[in-house]
N, C-alpha and C. Protein backbone atom coordinates (compact mmCIF):
# COMPACT_ATOMS: atom_id res chain seq x y z
N MET A 1 227.25 145.24 97.35
CA MET A 1 228.69 145.33 97.15
C MET A 1 228.96 146.33 96.02
N GLY A 2 229.80 147.28 96.27
CA GLY A 2 230.20 148.22 95.22
C GLY A 2 231.17 147.56 94.27
N LEU A 3 231.14 147.96 93.03
CA LEU A 3 232.03 147.35 92.04
C LEU A 3 233.49 147.64 92.33
N ASN A 4 233.79 148.72 93.06
CA ASN A 4 235.18 149.01 93.36
C ASN A 4 235.78 148.01 94.34
N ASN A 5 234.99 147.09 94.89
CA ASN A 5 235.48 146.05 95.78
C ASN A 5 235.58 144.70 95.10
N VAL A 6 235.45 144.65 93.79
CA VAL A 6 235.52 143.38 93.06
C VAL A 6 236.96 142.88 93.05
N LYS A 7 237.14 141.64 93.48
CA LYS A 7 238.46 140.99 93.45
C LYS A 7 238.26 139.54 93.02
N ASP A 8 239.27 138.98 92.39
CA ASP A 8 239.18 137.59 91.99
C ASP A 8 240.60 137.06 91.82
N LEU A 9 240.71 135.74 91.78
CA LEU A 9 242.01 135.12 91.51
C LEU A 9 242.35 135.30 90.04
N VAL A 10 243.62 135.47 89.77
CA VAL A 10 244.08 135.55 88.38
C VAL A 10 243.96 134.16 87.78
N ILE A 11 243.31 134.06 86.62
CA ILE A 11 243.12 132.74 85.99
C ILE A 11 243.86 132.64 84.66
N ARG A 12 244.72 133.60 84.38
CA ARG A 12 245.45 133.58 83.11
C ARG A 12 246.65 132.64 83.18
N SER A 13 246.88 131.96 82.07
CA SER A 13 248.03 131.06 81.99
C SER A 13 249.28 131.84 81.59
N GLU A 14 250.42 131.21 81.72
CA GLU A 14 251.69 131.88 81.43
C GLU A 14 251.82 132.33 79.98
N ASP A 15 251.10 131.70 79.06
CA ASP A 15 251.20 132.09 77.65
C ASP A 15 250.23 133.21 77.26
N HIS A 16 249.45 133.70 78.22
CA HIS A 16 248.52 134.80 77.96
C HIS A 16 249.32 136.10 77.83
N PRO A 17 248.98 136.97 76.87
CA PRO A 17 249.75 138.21 76.68
C PRO A 17 249.75 139.15 77.90
N ARG A 18 248.74 139.08 78.76
CA ARG A 18 248.70 139.96 79.93
C ARG A 18 249.00 139.23 81.24
N TYR A 19 249.66 138.09 81.13
CA TYR A 19 250.04 137.33 82.33
C TYR A 19 251.15 138.08 83.07
N GLU A 20 251.04 138.14 84.40
CA GLU A 20 252.07 138.76 85.23
C GLU A 20 252.59 137.72 86.23
N THR A 21 253.88 137.44 86.18
CA THR A 21 254.49 136.46 87.07
C THR A 21 254.28 136.86 88.52
N GLY A 22 253.85 135.91 89.32
CA GLY A 22 253.69 136.14 90.75
C GLY A 22 252.39 136.80 91.17
N LYS A 23 251.60 137.28 90.22
CA LYS A 23 250.34 137.93 90.57
C LYS A 23 249.25 136.86 90.71
N ILE A 24 248.63 136.81 91.91
CA ILE A 24 247.60 135.80 92.13
C ILE A 24 246.21 136.40 92.37
N VAL A 25 246.14 137.69 92.68
CA VAL A 25 244.85 138.34 92.89
C VAL A 25 244.74 139.53 91.95
N GLU A 26 243.60 139.61 91.26
CA GLU A 26 243.31 140.75 90.38
C GLU A 26 242.28 141.62 91.09
N ASP A 27 242.59 142.91 91.24
CA ASP A 27 241.66 143.80 91.93
C ASP A 27 241.15 144.94 91.05
N ASP A 28 241.55 144.98 89.80
CA ASP A 28 241.01 145.96 88.86
C ASP A 28 239.68 145.41 88.34
N GLU A 29 238.60 146.15 88.57
CA GLU A 29 237.26 145.64 88.23
C GLU A 29 237.12 145.27 86.76
N ILE A 30 237.69 146.04 85.87
CA ILE A 30 237.58 145.73 84.44
C ILE A 30 238.36 144.47 84.11
N GLU A 31 239.57 144.32 84.64
CA GLU A 31 240.37 143.12 84.38
C GLU A 31 239.69 141.86 84.92
N VAL A 32 239.03 141.96 86.08
CA VAL A 32 238.30 140.81 86.62
C VAL A 32 237.20 140.40 85.65
N MET A 33 236.47 141.38 85.14
CA MET A 33 235.39 141.07 84.20
C MET A 33 235.92 140.54 82.87
N VAL A 34 237.05 141.07 82.40
CA VAL A 34 237.65 140.58 81.16
C VAL A 34 238.08 139.12 81.33
N GLN A 35 238.67 138.78 82.47
CA GLN A 35 239.04 137.39 82.73
C GLN A 35 237.81 136.49 82.70
N LYS A 36 236.73 136.94 83.30
CA LYS A 36 235.50 136.14 83.30
C LYS A 36 234.93 136.02 81.88
N LEU A 37 234.99 137.10 81.11
CA LEU A 37 234.54 137.04 79.71
C LEU A 37 235.37 136.03 78.93
N GLU A 38 236.69 136.07 79.11
CA GLU A 38 237.56 135.13 78.42
C GLU A 38 237.15 133.69 78.75
N MET A 39 236.86 133.45 80.02
CA MET A 39 236.46 132.10 80.41
C MET A 39 235.15 131.70 79.72
N LEU A 40 234.17 132.60 79.69
CA LEU A 40 232.90 132.29 79.04
C LEU A 40 233.08 132.04 77.54
N LEU A 41 233.84 132.90 76.88
CA LEU A 41 233.96 132.83 75.43
C LEU A 41 234.80 131.64 74.96
N TYR A 42 235.84 131.30 75.71
CA TYR A 42 236.75 130.25 75.28
C TYR A 42 236.41 128.87 75.82
N THR A 43 235.49 128.78 76.76
CA THR A 43 235.08 127.48 77.31
C THR A 43 233.91 126.95 76.49
N SER A 44 234.00 125.69 76.11
CA SER A 44 232.91 125.06 75.37
C SER A 44 231.81 124.65 76.33
N GLU A 45 230.58 124.69 75.83
CA GLU A 45 229.45 124.25 76.63
C GLU A 45 229.69 122.82 77.12
N ASN A 46 229.32 122.56 78.35
CA ASN A 46 229.43 121.25 78.98
C ASN A 46 230.86 120.81 79.26
N ASP A 47 231.85 121.70 79.13
CA ASP A 47 233.22 121.36 79.52
C ASP A 47 233.36 121.30 81.03
N VAL A 48 232.55 122.08 81.73
CA VAL A 48 232.59 122.09 83.19
C VAL A 48 231.47 121.17 83.69
N ILE A 49 231.85 120.10 84.31
CA ILE A 49 230.87 119.11 84.77
C ILE A 49 229.97 119.72 85.83
N GLY A 50 228.67 119.55 85.65
CA GLY A 50 227.70 120.03 86.62
C GLY A 50 227.31 121.48 86.45
N ASP A 51 227.80 122.13 85.39
CA ASP A 51 227.45 123.54 85.16
C ASP A 51 227.39 123.78 83.66
N SER A 52 226.60 124.76 83.28
CA SER A 52 226.45 125.07 81.85
C SER A 52 227.26 126.29 81.45
N ILE A 53 228.31 126.62 82.22
CA ILE A 53 229.14 127.77 81.90
C ILE A 53 229.86 127.52 80.57
N GLY A 54 229.95 128.55 79.76
CA GLY A 54 230.68 128.45 78.50
C GLY A 54 229.77 128.59 77.29
N ILE A 55 230.31 129.21 76.26
CA ILE A 55 229.55 129.46 75.05
C ILE A 55 230.05 128.59 73.91
N GLY A 56 231.33 128.33 73.88
CA GLY A 56 231.90 127.51 72.81
C GLY A 56 231.85 128.20 71.47
N LEU A 57 232.38 129.41 71.38
CA LEU A 57 232.28 130.19 70.15
C LEU A 57 232.96 129.53 68.96
N GLU A 58 233.99 128.74 69.20
CA GLU A 58 234.64 128.06 68.07
C GLU A 58 233.66 127.13 67.36
N TYR A 59 232.76 126.51 68.11
CA TYR A 59 231.74 125.64 67.51
C TYR A 59 230.89 126.44 66.53
N TYR A 60 230.44 127.62 66.93
CA TYR A 60 229.58 128.45 66.08
C TYR A 60 230.31 128.98 64.85
N LEU A 61 231.59 129.15 64.98
CA LEU A 61 232.38 129.64 63.84
C LEU A 61 232.33 128.66 62.68
N TRP A 62 232.20 127.37 62.99
CA TRP A 62 232.20 126.34 61.95
C TRP A 62 230.80 125.99 61.46
N GLN A 63 229.76 126.60 62.02
CA GLN A 63 228.39 126.34 61.59
C GLN A 63 228.04 127.25 60.40
N THR A 64 227.15 126.77 59.56
CA THR A 64 226.82 127.53 58.36
C THR A 64 225.54 128.35 58.49
N ARG A 65 224.72 128.05 59.45
CA ARG A 65 223.43 128.72 59.54
C ARG A 65 223.14 129.28 60.94
N VAL A 66 224.12 129.90 61.54
CA VAL A 66 223.93 130.53 62.84
C VAL A 66 224.06 132.03 62.65
N SER A 67 223.03 132.75 63.08
CA SER A 67 223.06 134.20 62.91
C SER A 67 223.89 134.87 63.99
N VAL A 68 224.38 136.06 63.68
CA VAL A 68 225.12 136.86 64.64
C VAL A 68 224.23 137.17 65.85
N SER A 69 222.95 137.41 65.63
CA SER A 69 222.05 137.72 66.75
C SER A 69 221.90 136.52 67.70
N THR A 70 221.95 135.29 67.17
CA THR A 70 221.90 134.10 68.02
C THR A 70 223.13 134.03 68.91
N ILE A 71 224.29 134.30 68.33
CA ILE A 71 225.54 134.27 69.09
C ILE A 71 225.53 135.37 70.15
N GLU A 72 225.11 136.56 69.77
CA GLU A 72 225.03 137.66 70.74
C GLU A 72 224.08 137.31 71.89
N SER A 73 222.96 136.68 71.58
CA SER A 73 222.00 136.28 72.62
C SER A 73 222.62 135.27 73.59
N LYS A 74 223.37 134.31 73.05
CA LYS A 74 224.04 133.32 73.91
C LYS A 74 225.05 133.99 74.83
N ILE A 75 225.81 134.92 74.30
CA ILE A 75 226.80 135.64 75.11
C ILE A 75 226.09 136.43 76.21
N LYS A 76 225.03 137.16 75.86
CA LYS A 76 224.30 137.95 76.85
C LYS A 76 223.68 137.08 77.93
N GLU A 77 223.19 135.91 77.54
CA GLU A 77 222.59 134.97 78.50
C GLU A 77 223.64 134.50 79.51
N GLN A 78 224.83 134.18 79.02
CA GLN A 78 225.91 133.74 79.91
C GLN A 78 226.36 134.88 80.83
N ILE A 79 226.46 136.08 80.28
CA ILE A 79 226.85 137.24 81.09
C ILE A 79 225.83 137.47 82.20
N SER A 80 224.57 137.40 81.86
CA SER A 80 223.50 137.61 82.83
C SER A 80 223.59 136.61 83.98
N HIS A 81 223.96 135.38 83.64
CA HIS A 81 224.00 134.33 84.66
C HIS A 81 225.31 134.34 85.45
N TYR A 82 226.45 134.60 84.81
CA TYR A 82 227.75 134.42 85.45
C TYR A 82 228.53 135.70 85.74
N ILE A 83 228.18 136.81 85.11
CA ILE A 83 228.93 138.06 85.34
C ILE A 83 227.93 139.18 85.59
N SER A 84 227.16 139.05 86.64
CA SER A 84 226.12 140.04 86.93
C SER A 84 226.69 141.43 87.17
N GLU A 85 227.93 141.51 87.68
CA GLU A 85 228.54 142.82 87.90
C GLU A 85 228.78 143.56 86.59
N LEU A 86 228.95 142.83 85.50
CA LEU A 86 229.12 143.46 84.20
C LEU A 86 227.81 144.10 83.75
N GLU A 87 226.70 143.43 84.00
CA GLU A 87 225.39 144.02 83.69
C GLU A 87 225.17 145.27 84.53
N GLN A 88 225.58 145.23 85.78
CA GLN A 88 225.45 146.38 86.67
C GLN A 88 226.24 147.57 86.13
N LEU A 89 227.47 147.31 85.69
CA LEU A 89 228.35 148.36 85.20
C LEU A 89 227.89 148.88 83.84
N GLY A 90 227.39 147.99 83.01
CA GLY A 90 226.95 148.34 81.66
C GLY A 90 228.00 148.02 80.62
N TYR A 91 227.56 147.54 79.49
CA TYR A 91 228.46 147.18 78.40
C TYR A 91 227.70 147.20 77.09
N SER A 92 228.46 147.25 76.00
CA SER A 92 227.86 147.02 74.68
C SER A 92 228.64 145.89 74.03
N LEU A 93 227.99 145.19 73.14
CA LEU A 93 228.55 143.99 72.53
C LEU A 93 228.20 143.98 71.06
N SER A 94 229.16 143.60 70.24
CA SER A 94 228.87 143.36 68.82
C SER A 94 229.67 142.15 68.36
N VAL A 95 229.08 141.38 67.46
CA VAL A 95 229.72 140.20 66.90
C VAL A 95 229.69 140.34 65.38
N ASP A 96 230.82 140.10 64.75
CA ASP A 96 230.91 140.10 63.29
C ASP A 96 231.58 138.80 62.86
N ILE A 97 231.12 138.24 61.75
CA ILE A 97 231.75 137.06 61.18
C ILE A 97 232.17 137.42 59.76
N PHE A 98 233.46 137.24 59.50
CA PHE A 98 234.02 137.56 58.20
C PHE A 98 234.41 136.28 57.49
N GLU A 99 233.96 136.14 56.26
CA GLU A 99 234.29 134.95 55.48
C GLU A 99 235.73 135.05 55.01
N GLY A 100 236.51 134.04 55.35
CA GLY A 100 237.92 134.02 54.97
C GLY A 100 238.15 133.12 53.78
N THR A 101 239.35 133.17 53.25
CA THR A 101 239.73 132.33 52.13
C THR A 101 239.83 130.87 52.56
N TYR A 102 240.50 130.64 53.70
CA TYR A 102 240.68 129.29 54.21
C TYR A 102 239.78 128.97 55.39
N ARG A 103 239.48 129.99 56.18
CA ARG A 103 238.60 129.82 57.32
C ARG A 103 237.97 131.16 57.67
N ASP A 104 236.83 131.10 58.32
CA ASP A 104 236.13 132.32 58.72
C ASP A 104 236.74 132.88 60.00
N ILE A 105 236.45 134.14 60.26
CA ILE A 105 236.94 134.81 61.46
C ILE A 105 235.75 135.43 62.18
N MET A 106 235.66 135.18 63.49
CA MET A 106 234.63 135.79 64.30
C MET A 106 235.29 136.85 65.18
N TYR A 107 234.72 138.04 65.15
CA TYR A 107 235.25 139.18 65.89
C TYR A 107 234.21 139.59 66.91
N VAL A 108 234.54 139.50 68.20
CA VAL A 108 233.62 139.86 69.27
C VAL A 108 234.18 141.09 69.96
N ASN A 109 233.40 142.16 69.98
CA ASN A 109 233.84 143.43 70.55
C ASN A 109 232.96 143.81 71.74
N PHE A 110 233.60 144.11 72.85
CA PHE A 110 232.93 144.61 74.05
C PHE A 110 233.42 146.01 74.34
N ILE A 111 232.51 146.85 74.77
CA ILE A 111 232.90 148.14 75.33
C ILE A 111 232.36 148.15 76.75
N ILE A 112 233.28 148.26 77.70
CA ILE A 112 232.94 148.26 79.12
C ILE A 112 233.51 149.53 79.73
N LYS A 113 232.62 150.39 80.18
CA LYS A 113 233.04 151.60 80.90
C LYS A 113 234.15 152.32 80.14
N GLY A 114 233.99 152.47 78.85
CA GLY A 114 234.96 153.20 78.05
C GLY A 114 236.14 152.39 77.57
N TYR A 115 236.28 151.14 78.02
CA TYR A 115 237.36 150.26 77.57
C TYR A 115 236.86 149.43 76.40
N ASN A 116 237.67 149.35 75.35
CA ASN A 116 237.34 148.55 74.19
C ASN A 116 238.10 147.23 74.26
N ILE A 117 237.39 146.11 74.28
CA ILE A 117 238.00 144.80 74.43
C ILE A 117 237.57 143.94 73.25
N ASP A 118 238.53 143.40 72.53
CA ASP A 118 238.25 142.58 71.35
C ASP A 118 238.71 141.15 71.57
N PHE A 119 237.89 140.21 71.07
CA PHE A 119 238.23 138.80 71.06
C PHE A 119 238.10 138.33 69.62
N VAL A 120 239.10 137.58 69.15
CA VAL A 120 239.09 137.10 67.76
C VAL A 120 239.16 135.58 67.77
N PHE A 121 238.28 134.95 67.00
CA PHE A 121 238.26 133.49 66.86
C PHE A 121 238.47 133.16 65.40
N GLU A 122 239.45 132.32 65.13
CA GLU A 122 239.73 131.92 63.76
C GLU A 122 239.56 130.43 63.62
């Protein structure tokens, strides 16, 4: 299957900044992969019964002894298992954790086919 034939249902909720009323099918390959990334990053491990989908990044944000490389490995493992088309297309990933005054901030950056996509966890 060529990547230009990638289609999926829109899984964004109405409060998502890129939600479009009435749109039920996403056919832009990058947007499909971004939706899948959002699901992996924002879903906690074991939230989906019978499957290990999800990374639960908020959990790691509150841990004191988790390295950035461990988090990056978990993300890559999930991508390999659930978003194989992203591996086919190619991507780069970086994770940074910044110590905050009241809480830390995790910044996850993806570059996919020239698109820069950022996810922020506070």
